[in-house]
C-alpha atoms as a PDB file:
ATOM      1  CA  MET A   1       0.000   0.000   0.000  1.00  0.00           C
ATOM      2  CA  LEU A   2       2.793   2.393   0.909  1.00  0.00           C
ATOM      3  CA  LEU A   3       4.591   1.517  -2.332  1.00  0.00           C
ATOM      4  CA  HIS A   4       1.454   2.401  -4.379  1.00  0.00           C
ATOM      5  CA  TRP A   5       1.194   5.729  -2.573  1.00  0.00           C
ATOM      6  CA  ILE A   6       4.878   6.568  -3.235  1.00  0.00           C
ATOM      7  CA  VAL A   7       4.588   5.589  -6.909  1.00  0.00           C
ATOM      8  CA  GLY A   8       1.404   7.646  -7.209  1.00  0.00           C
ATOM      9  CA  CYS A   9       3.126  10.688  -5.709  1.00  0.00           C
ATOM     10  CA  LEU A  10       6.108  10.293  -8.033  1.00  0.00           C
ATOM     11  CA  VAL A  11       3.828  10.045 -11.085  1.00  0.00           C
ATOM     12  CA  PHE A  12       1.903  13.120  -9.925  1.00  0.00           C
ATOM     13  CA  VAL A  13       5.102  15.145  -9.390  1.00  0.00           C
ATOM     14  CA  ALA A  14       6.492  14.043 -12.765  1.00  0.00           C
ATOM     15  CA  GLY A  15       3.241  15.019 -14.466  1.00  0.00           C
ATOM     16  CA  ILE A  16       3.198  18.449 -12.837  1.00  0.00           C
ATOM     17  CA  SER A  17       6.862  18.988 -13.800  1.00  0.00           C
ATOM     18  CA  ALA A  18       6.201  17.995 -17.408  1.00  0.00           C
ATOM     19  CA  LEU A  19       3.165  20.271 -17.587  1.00  0.00           C
ATOM     20  CA  GLY A  20       5.161  23.174 -16.134  1.00  0.00           C
ATOM     21  CA  SER A  21       7.959  22.633 -18.650  1.00  0.00           C
ATOM     22  CA  LEU A  22       5.466  22.544 -21.505  1.00  0.00           C
ATOM     23  CA  VAL A  23       3.815  25.786 -20.398  1.00  0.00           C
ATOM     24  CA  LEU A  24       7.196  27.521 -20.056  1.00  0.00           C
ATOM     25  CA  SER A  25       8.369  26.320 -23.471  1.00  0.00           C
ATOM     26  CA  LEU A  26       5.189  27.582 -25.152  1.00  0.00           C
ATOM     27  CA  ALA A  27       5.207  30.963 -23.406  1.00  0.00           C
ATOM     28  CA  PRO A  28       6.500  33.829 -25.543  1.00  0.00           C
ATOM     29  CA  SER A  29      10.000  34.992 -24.736  1.00  0.00           C
ATOM     30  CA  ASP A  30      10.322  38.333 -22.958  1.00  0.00           C
ATOM     31  CA  THR A  31      13.827  38.756 -24.355  1.00  0.00           C
ATOM     32  CA  PRO A  32      13.806  41.339 -27.137  1.00  0.00           C
ATOM     33  CA  PRO A  33      15.741  40.518 -30.302  1.00  0.00           C
ATOM     34  CA  GLN A  34      19.359  41.598 -30.376  1.00  0.00           C
ATOM     35  CA  PRO A  35      21.373  43.053 -33.279  1.00  0.00           C
ATOM     36  CA  ALA A  36      23.624  39.971 -33.099  1.00  0.00           C
ATOM     37  CA  ASP A  37      20.551  37.845 -33.920  1.00  0.00           C
ATOM     38  CA  LEU A  38      19.997  39.924 -37.061  1.00  0.00           C
ATOM     39  CA  VAL A  39      23.665  39.602 -38.057  1.00  0.00           C
ATOM     40  CA  LEU A  40      23.437  35.825 -37.685  1.00  0.00           C
ATOM     41  CA  GLN A  41      20.296  35.686 -39.831  1.00  0.00           C
ATOM     42  CA  ILE A  42      21.924  37.783 -42.556  1.00  0.00           C
ATOM     43  CA  GLN A  43      25.081  35.651 -42.483  1.00  0.00           C
ATOM     44  CA  ASN A  44      22.973  32.481 -42.625  1.00  0.00           C
ATOM     45  CA  ALA A  45      21.111  33.881 -45.622  1.00  0.00           C
ATOM     46  CA  ALA A  46      24.463  34.337 -47.373  1.00  0.00           C
ATOM     47  CA  SER A  47      25.178  30.673 -46.691  1.00  0.00           C
ATOM     48  CA  GLY A  48      21.888  29.580 -48.214  1.00  0.00           C
ATOM     49  CA  THR A  49      19.713  29.369 -45.107  1.00  0.00           C
ATOM     50  CA  ALA A  50      17.468  32.366 -45.657  1.00  0.00           C
ATOM     51  CA  GLU A  51      14.405  33.084 -43.585  1.00  0.00           C
ATOM     52  CA  SER A  52      11.614  35.205 -45.019  1.00  0.00           C
ATOM     53  CA  GLN A  53      11.582  37.562 -42.007  1.00  0.00           C
ATOM     54  CA  HIS A  54      14.291  38.764 -39.662  1.00  0.00           C
ATOM     55  CA  VAL A  55      14.047  38.963 -35.871  1.00  0.00           C
ATOM     56  CA  TYR A  56      12.535  42.474 -36.026  1.00  0.00           C
ATOM     57  CA  GLY A  57       9.743  41.360 -38.364  1.00  0.00           C
ATOM     58  CA  GLY A  58      10.899  42.851 -41.655  1.00  0.00           C
ATOM     59  CA  PRO A  59      11.708  40.902 -44.815  1.00  0.00           C
ATOM     60  CA  ILE A  60      15.074  39.402 -45.781  1.00  0.00           C
ATOM     61  CA  GLN A  61      15.827  39.086 -49.491  1.00  0.00           C
ATOM     62  CA  VAL A  62      18.751  37.320 -51.121  1.00  0.00           C
ATOM     63  CA  SER A  63      19.783  38.258 -54.658  1.00  0.00           C
ATOM     64  CA  ARG A  64      22.641  38.018 -57.112  1.00  0.00           C
ATOM     65  CA  ARG A  65      23.602  40.914 -59.351  1.00  0.00           C
ATOM     66  CA  GLY A  66      26.462  40.467 -61.750  1.00  0.00           C
ATOM     67  CA  GLY A  67      27.597  37.412 -59.822  1.00  0.00           C
ATOM     68  CA  GLN A  68      27.680  39.328 -56.514  1.00  0.00           C
ATOM     69  CA  LEU A  69      25.618  37.916 -53.660  1.00  0.00           C
ATOM     70  CA  SER A  70      23.663  40.494 -51.655  1.00  0.00           C
ATOM     71  CA  ILE A  71      21.328  40.172 -48.695  1.00  0.00           C
ATOM     72  CA  THR A  72      18.857  42.939 -47.895  1.00  0.00           C
ATOM     73  CA  ALA A  73      17.080  43.279 -44.557  1.00  0.00           C
ATOM     74  CA  SER A  74      14.319  45.888 -44.630  1.00  0.00           C
ATOM     75  CA  LYS A  75      12.422  47.539 -41.780  1.00  0.00           C
ATOM     76  CA  VAL A  76      15.318  47.266 -39.331  1.00  0.00           C
ATOM     77  CA  PRO A  77      15.073  49.493 -36.230  1.00  0.00           C
ATOM     78  CA  THR A  78      17.728  52.198 -36.400  1.00  0.00           C
ATOM     79  CA  SER A  79      19.454  51.149 -33.164  1.00  0.00           C
ATOM     80  CA  ALA A  80      19.849  47.593 -34.471  1.00  0.00           C
ATOM     81  CA  CYS A  81      20.962  48.947 -37.848  1.00  0.00           C
ATOM     82  CA  VAL A  82      23.943  50.749 -36.341  1.00  0.00           C
ATOM     83  CA  SER A  83      25.117  47.809 -34.241  1.00  0.00           C
ATOM     84  CA  ALA A  84      24.501  45.090 -36.850  1.00  0.00           C
ATOM     85  CA  GLY A  85      25.890  47.324 -39.589  1.00  0.00           C
ATOM     86  CA  TRP A  86      29.145  47.777 -37.710  1.00  0.00           C
ATOM     87  CA  THR A  87      29.633  44.007 -37.543  1.00  0.00           C
ATOM     88  CA  LEU A  88      28.602  43.362 -41.147  1.00  0.00           C
ATOM     89  CA  ALA A  89      30.776  46.171 -42.567  1.00  0.00           C
ATOM     90  CA  ARG A  90      33.879  44.408 -41.246  1.00  0.00           C
ATOM     91  CA  GLU A  91      32.946  41.254 -43.176  1.00  0.00           C
ATOM     92  CA  GLY A  92      31.862  42.727 -46.476  1.00  0.00           C
ATOM     93  CA  VAL A  93      30.377  45.761 -48.192  1.00  0.00           C
ATOM     94  CA  LEU A  94      27.400  47.444 -46.539  1.00  0.00           C
ATOM     95  CA  ALA A  95      24.816  49.813 -47.989  1.00  0.00           C
ATOM     96  CA  VAL A  96      22.290  51.456 -45.680  1.00  0.00           C
ATOM     97  CA  ASN A  97      19.122  53.018 -47.035  1.00  0.00           C
ATOM     98  CA  GLY A  98      20.566  52.722 -50.528  1.00  0.00           C
ATOM     99  CA  LEU A  99      23.843  54.507 -49.738  1.00  0.00           C
ATOM    100  CA  ARG A 100      27.238  52.822 -49.634  1.00  0.00           C
ATOM    101  CA  PRO A 101      29.817  54.939 -47.800  1.00  0.00           C
ATOM    102  CA  SER A 102      33.464  54.880 -48.846  1.00  0.00           C
ATOM    103  CA  HIS A 103      34.477  54.282 -45.217  1.00  0.00           C
ATOM    104  CA  ILE A 104      32.560  53.239 -42.109  1.00  0.00           C
ATOM    105  CA  SER A 105      32.489  54.828 -38.671  1.00  0.00           C
ATOM    106  CA  ALA A 106      29.912  54.696 -35.906  1.00  0.00           C
ATOM    107  CA  GLY A 107      28.860  58.270 -36.731  1.00  0.00           C
ATOM    108  CA  ILE A 108      28.428  57.543 -40.442  1.00  0.00           C
ATOM    109  CA  LEU A 109      26.407  54.416 -39.671  1.00  0.00           C
ATOM    110  CA  ALA A 110      24.188  56.331 -37.244  1.00  0.00           C
ATOM    111  CA  ASP A 111      23.563  59.025 -39.872  1.00  0.00           C
ATOM    112  CA  LEU A 112      22.772  56.485 -42.596  1.00  0.00           C
ATOM    113  CA  CYS A 113      20.551  54.335 -40.363  1.00  0.00           C
ATOM    114  CA  ASN A 114      18.528  57.357 -39.195  1.00  0.00           C
ATOM    115  CA  ARG A 115      18.211  58.883 -42.664  1.00  0.00           C
ATOM    116  CA  GLU A 116      14.781  57.359 -43.393  1.00  0.00           C
ATOM    117  CA  GLY A 117      13.206  57.645 -39.929  1.00  0.00           C
ATOM    118  CA  ASP A 118      12.778  54.869 -37.370  1.00  0.00           C
ATOM    119  CA  LEU A 119      13.377  51.952 -39.763  1.00  0.00           C
ATOM    120  CA  ALA A 120      16.273  51.297 -42.111  1.00  0.00           C
ATOM    121  CA  SER A 121      17.141  49.026 -44.996  1.00  0.00           C
ATOM    122  CA  MET A 122      20.512  47.257 -44.958  1.00  0.00           C
ATOM    123  CA  THR A 123      22.133  45.506 -47.912  1.00  0.00           C
ATOM    124  CA  TRP A 124      25.208  43.411 -47.240  1.00  0.00           C
ATOM    125  CA  MET A 125      27.551  41.902 -49.814  1.00  0.00           C
ATOM    126  CA  PRO A 126      29.856  39.406 -48.104  1.00  0.00           C
ATOM    127  CA  LYS A 127      33.542  39.289 -48.983  1.00  0.00           C
ATOM    128  CA  GLY A 128      34.619  36.407 -51.155  1.00  0.00           C
ATOM    129  CA  ARG A 129      31.156  35.101 -52.016  1.00  0.00           C
ATOM    130  CA  GLY A 130      30.324  35.797 -55.587  1.00  0.00           C
END
């Protein structure tokens, strides 16, 4: 009798734990997207693993022009544009809101990212991938 009670308690506890884990895994994350997440998505798109939307909800498009691979992320918040742009510019050529600067600095990126308002468009052409 005692053994049945112990087994019953263990099954109950395991069931409650499983239910709690399921609820937590289905709950939306409170962690806002980070610029590094956007960079990873853009880099993955260059490697052939493109998603239709980036972490901020805008579209990602992959294209080839004249043999040059380019990835465009539209509707990127300006704060993420500056941070992600800084990373991407070190690994390829970056155009922001249609403009490609001859050199990159934090100030230039901030100006370019804020040029169109609260959202920016970023086009990245990775080095060595044509």
